Amino acid sequence: MLKLPWSKIIYVKAMLTLTYLISQSTVAASPLVVDSLKLELVAEGFVFTEGPAALPNGDVIFSDIHDEKLHKWHALTNKVEQVRDNTQRTNGLYFNKEGHLYACQWSGKKLIKITDLDDVDSDVVITSSFKNKPYNQPNDLWISGNGSLYFTDPNYGKKKLTQDGEHVYFVDTNNQVSRVKDSFIRPNGIIGHIDNKTLYITDPGAGKTYRYHITNNGELENKTLVINKGGDGMTLDEDGRLYLTIPKERALVVIDANNELVGIKDLGVKATNVTFAGVDGKTLFVTAQKQVFKIDMPVKGMYTQVHQVTHH
């Protein structure tokens, strides 16, 4: 019978214990009780808030579409300040890895990159037309890890279409635009997984939300129904749960990574969009038309990479 020295036995036991703990931590999702989530008012007096995008320090830039302004929520002080006006009804916002803010301009009918919030002249137009026709109303976007992006282009307010329908577009790293091949009725919110292989699109026109696999060339395949509800804005937490706002129902729907319903929270307000932010990455920032709110969460966002926040 082979006998191991005590030092090796202790080492083996330690490694087995460590392996078990790692396996448990990577498999088990953090607990989340949707009914326990509490909405806290941050600020009010807006016209129609939308498009929250989180900065690395946990602050948030968000739009007031019809008032044509961008505002900034300071996570450390819980205060809001205006940072830009005359935004051409900017709606969805998203930061790329370099820290540049991309914006969907509803009335401007284009997608732009904002390099300096204080300098409109530094804005770069990414795309303003497809097949020589203006877009309808660029609404929401998601930027993948390699810099390519997707954006939705619905048409609200009974205005005449400027495209031949309401579609989703893909912009590659060379700013070449192609149309996602799918029969959307009115696509709205869009968000991608950090694995850069999974994309969620909600279609309130169809009353459905879908998940797709992203191919190496950016095309979408393996369309899967996530839920028989169409909503507005979406975000993901660190455990892959999808958070979907449904303004008509004044609700926030949470669905896990296996497409199982975690819960539906009655918010009592028409929430338009959500993103994870805050000094610890555990604040769910909620835009709701004339107001903005926050919810203290037990989990972080999927993209939360909070840097140290200090007073200046």
Protein backbone atom coordinates (compact mmCIF):
# COMPACT_ATOMS: atom_id res chain seq x y z
CA MET A 1 0.00 0.00 0.00
CA LEU A 2 1.34 3.35 -1.04
CA LYS A 3 1.67 5.88 1.80
CA LEU A 4 1.79 9.62 1.05
CA PRO A 5 3.63 12.09 3.28
CA TRP A 6 1.35 14.25 5.44
CA SER A 7 2.44 17.36 3.56
CA LYS A 8 1.21 15.90 0.28
CA ILE A 9 -2.06 14.71 1.84
CA ILE A 10 -2.74 18.18 3.22
CA TYR A 11 -1.89 19.69 -0.19
CA VAL A 12 -4.24 17.32 -2.05
CA LYS A 13 -7.07 18.00 0.42
CA ALA A 14 -6.55 21.74 0.06
CA MET A 15 -6.64 21.53 -3.72
CA LEU A 16 -9.79 19.41 -3.69
CA THR A 17 -11.49 21.90 -1.37
CA LEU A 18 -10.40 24.84 -3.55
CA THR A 19 -11.65 23.10 -6.71
CA TYR A 20 -15.02 22.46 -5.06
CA LEU A 21 -15.37 26.05 -3.88
CA ILE A 22 -14.49 27.39 -7.34
CA SER A 23 -16.98 25.05 -8.98
CA GLN A 24 -19.70 26.15 -6.58
CA SER A 25 -18.98 29.84 -7.09
CA THR A 26 -19.03 29.60 -10.88
CA VAL A 27 -22.20 27.52 -11.10
CA ALA A 28 -24.47 29.05 -8.48
CA ALA A 29 -26.13 32.33 -9.40
CA SER A 30 -26.56 35.04 -6.79
CA PRO A 31 -30.03 34.95 -5.21
CA LEU A 32 -32.54 37.50 -6.44
CA VAL A 33 -36.03 38.09 -5.09
CA VAL A 34 -37.73 40.37 -7.59
CA ASP A 35 -40.60 41.31 -5.25
CA SER A 36 -38.12 42.71 -2.71
CA LEU A 37 -36.69 45.30 -5.11
CA LYS A 38 -37.43 48.87 -4.00
CA LEU A 39 -37.64 51.86 -6.34
CA GLU A 40 -36.05 55.08 -5.02
CA LEU A 41 -36.67 58.42 -6.73
CA VAL A 42 -33.50 60.19 -7.89
CA ALA A 43 -34.86 63.19 -9.81
CA GLU A 44 -37.98 64.38 -11.65
CA GLY A 45 -39.23 67.20 -13.86
CA PHE A 46 -38.06 65.73 -17.17
CA VAL A 47 -40.11 65.22 -20.35
CA PHE A 48 -39.17 61.70 -21.50
CA THR A 49 -36.05 60.06 -20.07
CA GLU A 50 -34.32 57.19 -21.85
CA GLY A 51 -31.03 55.58 -22.87
CA PRO A 52 -29.01 55.29 -19.61
CA ALA A 53 -25.34 54.41 -20.14
CA ALA A 54 -22.92 53.80 -17.26
CA LEU A 55 -19.43 55.26 -16.96
CA PRO A 56 -16.57 53.20 -15.43
CA ASN A 57 -16.90 55.10 -12.12
CA GLY A 58 -20.59 54.21 -11.83
CA ASP A 59 -22.03 57.53 -13.03
CA VAL A 60 -24.74 57.48 -15.71
CA ILE A 61 -25.43 59.58 -18.81
CA PHE A 62 -29.09 59.54 -19.84
CA SER A 63 -31.31 61.24 -22.42
CA ASP A 64 -34.35 63.44 -22.12
CA ILE A 65 -35.51 62.80 -25.67
CA HIS A 66 -38.21 65.40 -26.24
CA ASP A 67 -36.45 68.10 -24.21
CA GLU A 68 -33.35 67.41 -26.35
CA LYS A 69 -30.92 67.20 -23.45
CA LEU A 70 -28.39 64.81 -21.97
CA HIS A 71 -28.00 64.58 -18.19
CA LYS A 72 -25.46 63.00 -15.89
CA TRP A 73 -26.25 61.23 -12.62
CA HIS A 74 -23.37 61.32 -10.14
CA ALA A 75 -23.30 58.02 -8.27
CA LEU A 76 -21.37 59.39 -5.31
CA THR A 77 -23.64 62.36 -4.59
CA ASN A 78 -26.92 61.10 -6.13
CA LYS A 79 -27.19 64.45 -7.97
CA VAL A 80 -28.16 65.08 -11.61
CA GLU A 81 -26.76 67.78 -13.91
CA GLN A 82 -27.37 68.69 -17.54
CA VAL A 83 -24.34 68.03 -19.77
CA ARG A 84 -25.64 68.77 -23.30
CA ASP A 85 -28.60 70.32 -25.11
CA ASN A 86 -29.87 70.44 -28.71
CA THR A 87 -29.38 66.68 -28.96
CA GLN A 88 -31.64 66.07 -31.98
CA ARG A 89 -33.80 63.89 -29.75
CA THR A 90 -31.03 61.52 -28.77
CA ASN A 91 -32.44 58.26 -27.44
CA GLY A 92 -30.24 55.20 -26.81
CA LEU A 93 -26.68 55.65 -25.52
CA TYR A 94 -23.77 53.23 -25.11
CA PHE A 95 -20.06 53.56 -24.22
CA ASN A 96 -17.47 51.63 -26.20
CA LYS A 97 -14.34 50.17 -24.57
CA GLU A 98 -12.37 53.35 -25.32
CA GLY A 99 -14.88 55.42 -23.36
CA HIS A 100 -16.51 57.13 -26.33
CA LEU A 101 -20.25 57.63 -26.09
CA TYR A 102 -22.35 56.45 -29.03
CA ALA A 103 -25.82 57.95 -29.46
CA CYS A 104 -28.93 57.18 -31.50
CA GLN A 105 -30.42 60.45 -32.74
CA TRP A 106 -34.15 60.08 -33.24
CA SER A 107 -34.91 63.29 -35.15
CA GLY A 108 -31.36 63.53 -36.51
CA LYS A 109 -31.89 60.08 -38.08
CA LYS A 110 -28.29 59.05 -37.48
CA LEU A 111 -25.88 57.24 -35.21
CA ILE A 112 -23.05 59.36 -33.83
CA LYS A 113 -19.95 59.00 -31.67
CA ILE A 114 -19.52 61.68 -29.00
CA THR A 115 -15.87 62.20 -28.11
CA ASP A 116 -16.41 65.31 -25.99
CA LEU A 117 -19.73 66.17 -24.33
CA ASP A 118 -18.70 69.84 -24.22
CA ASP A 119 -17.89 70.06 -27.93
CA VAL A 120 -20.67 69.24 -30.43
CA ASP A 121 -18.27 69.94 -33.31
CA SER A 122 -16.20 66.92 -32.29
CA ASP A 123 -19.11 64.51 -32.87
CA VAL A 124 -18.49 61.88 -35.53
CA VAL A 125 -21.33 60.55 -37.70
CA ILE A 126 -21.12 56.75 -37.86
CA THR A 127 -24.05 56.29 -40.25
CA SER A 128 -26.95 58.45 -41.42
CA SER A 129 -28.55 56.38 -44.18
CA PHE A 130 -28.96 52.91 -45.62
CA LYS A 131 -29.18 52.43 -49.40
CA ASN A 132 -29.28 56.21 -49.79
CA LYS A 133 -32.37 56.57 -47.62
CA PRO A 134 -32.43 58.16 -44.12
CA TYR A 135 -33.16 55.95 -41.14
CA ASN A 136 -36.56 56.14 -39.43
CA GLN A 137 -35.75 56.84 -35.77
CA PRO A 138 -32.53 55.19 -34.52
CA ASN A 139 -33.55 54.00 -31.08
CA ASP A 140 -31.16 51.75 -29.15
CA LEU A 141 -27.74 50.16 -29.64
CA TRP A 142 -25.21 47.69 -28.29
CA ILE A 143 -21.46 47.66 -29.00
CA SER A 144 -19.63 44.33 -28.98
CA GLY A 145 -16.15 43.73 -27.60
CA ASN A 146 -14.52 44.10 -31.01
CA GLY A 147 -16.17 47.46 -31.70
CA SER A 148 -18.85 46.32 -34.13
CA LEU A 149 -22.38 47.28 -33.14
CA TYR A 150 -26.10 46.74 -33.66
CA PHE A 151 -28.86 49.34 -33.53
CA THR A 152 -32.64 49.31 -33.86
CA ASP A 153 -34.59 51.64 -36.15
CA PRO A 154 -38.33 51.67 -35.35
CA ASN A 155 -40.84 54.34 -36.30
CA TYR A 156 -43.03 55.95 -33.63
CA GLY A 157 -45.59 58.74 -33.70
CA LYS A 158 -47.36 57.75 -36.94
CA LYS A 159 -44.71 59.48 -39.00
CA LYS A 160 -44.01 58.34 -42.55
CA LEU A 161 -41.37 55.64 -42.88
CA THR A 162 -38.11 56.71 -44.49
CA GLN A 163 -36.91 53.11 -44.78
CA ASP A 164 -38.98 50.24 -46.22
CA GLY A 165 -39.80 48.94 -42.77
CA GLU A 166 -38.59 48.92 -39.15
CA HIS A 167 -35.34 47.00 -38.95
CA VAL A 168 -32.17 46.18 -37.01
CA TYR A 169 -28.78 47.10 -38.47
CA PHE A 170 -25.22 45.82 -38.02
CA VAL A 171 -22.22 48.16 -38.31
CA ASP A 172 -18.86 46.40 -38.65
CA THR A 173 -15.50 47.72 -37.47
CA ASN A 174 -15.03 49.51 -40.81
CA ASN A 175 -18.39 51.28 -40.38
CA GLN A 176 -19.93 49.21 -43.17
CA VAL A 177 -23.67 48.86 -42.54
CA SER A 178 -25.84 45.83 -43.27
CA ARG A 179 -29.40 45.00 -42.34
CA VAL A 180 -30.11 42.11 -39.98
CA LYS A 181 -32.22 39.59 -41.86
CA ASP A 182 -35.34 39.12 -39.75
CA SER A 183 -38.98 40.13 -39.89
CA PHE A 184 -39.23 42.64 -37.08
CA ILE A 185 -42.41 44.66 -36.68
CA ARG A 186 -41.16 47.38 -34.32
CA PRO A 187 -37.77 46.51 -32.79
CA ASN A 188 -36.79 48.60 -29.80
CA GLY A 189 -34.42 47.60 -26.97
CA ILE A 190 -31.22 45.68 -27.70
CA ILE A 191 -28.43 44.28 -25.51
CA GLY A 192 -25.65 41.77 -26.02
CA HIS A 193 -23.92 39.31 -23.71
CA ILE A 194 -20.32 39.91 -22.67
CA ASP A 195 -19.41 36.69 -24.52
CA ASN A 196 -20.06 38.64 -27.76
CA LYS A 197 -21.98 35.62 -29.05
CA THR A 198 -25.47 36.35 -27.74
CA LEU A 199 -27.83 39.20 -28.64
CA TYR A 200 -31.25 40.07 -27.19
CA ILE A 201 -33.79 42.14 -29.14
CA THR A 202 -37.23 43.09 -27.91
CA ASP A 203 -39.97 43.74 -30.48
CA PRO A 204 -42.95 45.48 -28.83
CA GLY A 205 -44.65 45.58 -32.21
CA ALA A 206 -44.76 41.78 -32.19
CA GLY A 207 -45.15 41.53 -28.42
CA LYS A 208 -42.08 39.29 -28.16
CA THR A 209 -38.46 39.30 -27.03
CA TYR A 210 -35.85 37.15 -28.76
CA ARG A 211 -32.32 35.82 -28.25
CA TYR A 212 -29.90 35.20 -31.13
CA HIS A 213 -26.50 33.64 -31.64
CA ILE A 214 -24.00 36.04 -33.23
CA THR A 215 -21.83 34.45 -35.95
CA ASN A 216 -18.21 35.39 -36.59
CA ASN A 217 -19.26 37.80 -39.35
CA GLY A 218 -21.95 39.47 -37.25
CA GLU A 219 -24.98 37.72 -38.69
CA LEU A 220 -27.72 36.48 -36.36
CA GLU A 221 -28.88 32.86 -36.19
CA ASN A 222 -30.65 30.39 -33.86
CA LYS A 223 -33.53 32.73 -33.07
CA THR A 224 -35.03 31.77 -29.68
CA LEU A 225 -38.14 33.20 -28.05
CA VAL A 226 -37.25 34.54 -24.60
CA ILE A 227 -40.69 35.70 -23.52
CA ASN A 228 -44.07 36.43 -25.10
CA LYS A 229 -43.78 40.08 -24.16
CA GLY A 230 -42.28 42.99 -26.01
CA GLY A 231 -40.79 45.85 -24.03
CA ASP A 232 -38.43 48.78 -24.19
CA GLY A 233 -34.95 48.94 -22.64
CA MET A 234 -32.89 45.99 -21.39
CA THR A 235 -29.77 45.14 -19.43
CA LEU A 236 -27.99 42.05 -18.06
CA ASP A 237 -26.56 41.21 -14.65
CA GLU A 238 -23.38 39.28 -13.81
CA ASP A 239 -25.31 35.99 -13.69
CA GLY A 240 -26.75 36.45 -17.17
CA ARG A 241 -30.24 37.49 -16.06
CA LEU A 242 -32.09 39.73 -18.49
CA TYR A 243 -33.96 42.80 -17.16
CA LEU A 244 -36.69 44.07 -19.50
CA THR A 245 -38.80 47.18 -18.98
CA ILE A 246 -42.43 47.04 -20.15
CA PRO A 247 -43.83 50.60 -19.93
CA LYS A 248 -47.41 49.63 -20.80
CA GLU A 249 -47.50 47.22 -17.85
CA ARG A 250 -45.48 49.54 -15.57
CA ALA A 251 -43.32 46.48 -14.99
CA LEU A 252 -39.78 45.17 -14.87
CA VAL A 253 -39.44 41.57 -16.06
CA VAL A 254 -36.44 39.46 -15.02
CA ILE A 255 -35.52 36.29 -16.95
CA ASP A 256 -32.59 33.99 -16.15
CA ALA A 257 -29.93 32.70 -18.54
CA ASN A 258 -32.03 29.60 -19.25
CA ASN A 259 -35.03 31.70 -20.38
CA GLU A 260 -36.90 30.92 -17.15
CA LEU A 261 -38.96 33.73 -15.63
CA VAL A 262 -37.42 34.92 -12.36
CA GLY A 263 -40.20 37.40 -11.64
CA ILE A 264 -42.18 40.44 -12.69
CA LYS A 265 -41.89 43.57 -10.55
CA ASP A 266 -44.77 46.07 -10.57
CA LEU A 267 -42.91 49.38 -10.55
CA GLY A 268 -45.96 51.65 -10.56
CA VAL A 269 -44.25 53.84 -13.19
CA LYS A 270 -43.69 53.50 -16.93
CA ALA A 271 -40.02 52.54 -16.88
CA THR A 272 -38.41 53.01 -20.29
CA ASN A 273 -34.91 51.64 -19.74
CA VAL A 274 -32.42 50.29 -17.18
CA THR A 275 -28.68 49.87 -16.69
CA PHE A 276 -26.40 48.75 -13.88
CA ALA A 277 -24.27 51.50 -12.36
CA GLY A 278 -23.32 52.94 -8.95
CA VAL A 279 -20.11 53.11 -6.93
CA ASP A 280 -20.22 49.35 -6.30
CA GLY A 281 -21.89 48.35 -9.55
CA LYS A 282 -24.99 47.20 -7.69
CA THR A 283 -27.35 50.04 -8.54
CA LEU A 284 -30.00 49.50 -11.17
CA PHE A 285 -30.58 52.93 -12.72
CA VAL A 286 -34.10 53.30 -14.13
CA THR A 287 -35.42 55.92 -16.57
CA ALA A 288 -39.18 56.44 -16.41
CA GLN A 289 -40.33 59.30 -18.65
CA LYS A 290 -40.64 62.33 -16.32
CA GLN A 291 -38.50 60.72 -13.59
CA VAL A 292 -35.37 58.67 -12.96
CA PHE A 293 -35.01 56.12 -10.16
CA LYS A 294 -32.50 53.72 -8.69
CA ILE A 295 -32.81 50.27 -7.13
CA ASP A 296 -30.22 48.83 -4.73
CA MET A 297 -29.42 45.36 -6.04
CA PRO A 298 -27.84 42.21 -4.54
CA VAL A 299 -25.94 41.63 -7.80
CA LYS A 300 -23.69 43.60 -10.15
CA GLY A 301 -24.25 44.28 -13.81
CA MET A 302 -22.63 42.12 -16.46
CA TYR A 303 -20.50 45.02 -17.67
CA THR A 304 -19.85 46.65 -14.32
CA GLN A 305 -16.18 47.53 -13.94
CA VAL A 306 -16.33 50.22 -11.29
CA HIS A 307 -13.25 52.35 -10.77
CA GLN A 308 -12.56 54.04 -7.46
CA VAL A 309 -14.77 57.10 -7.02
CA THR A 310 -13.43 60.02 -4.97
CA HIS A 311 -14.44 63.61 -4.26
CA HIS A 312 -12.67 66.31 -6.28
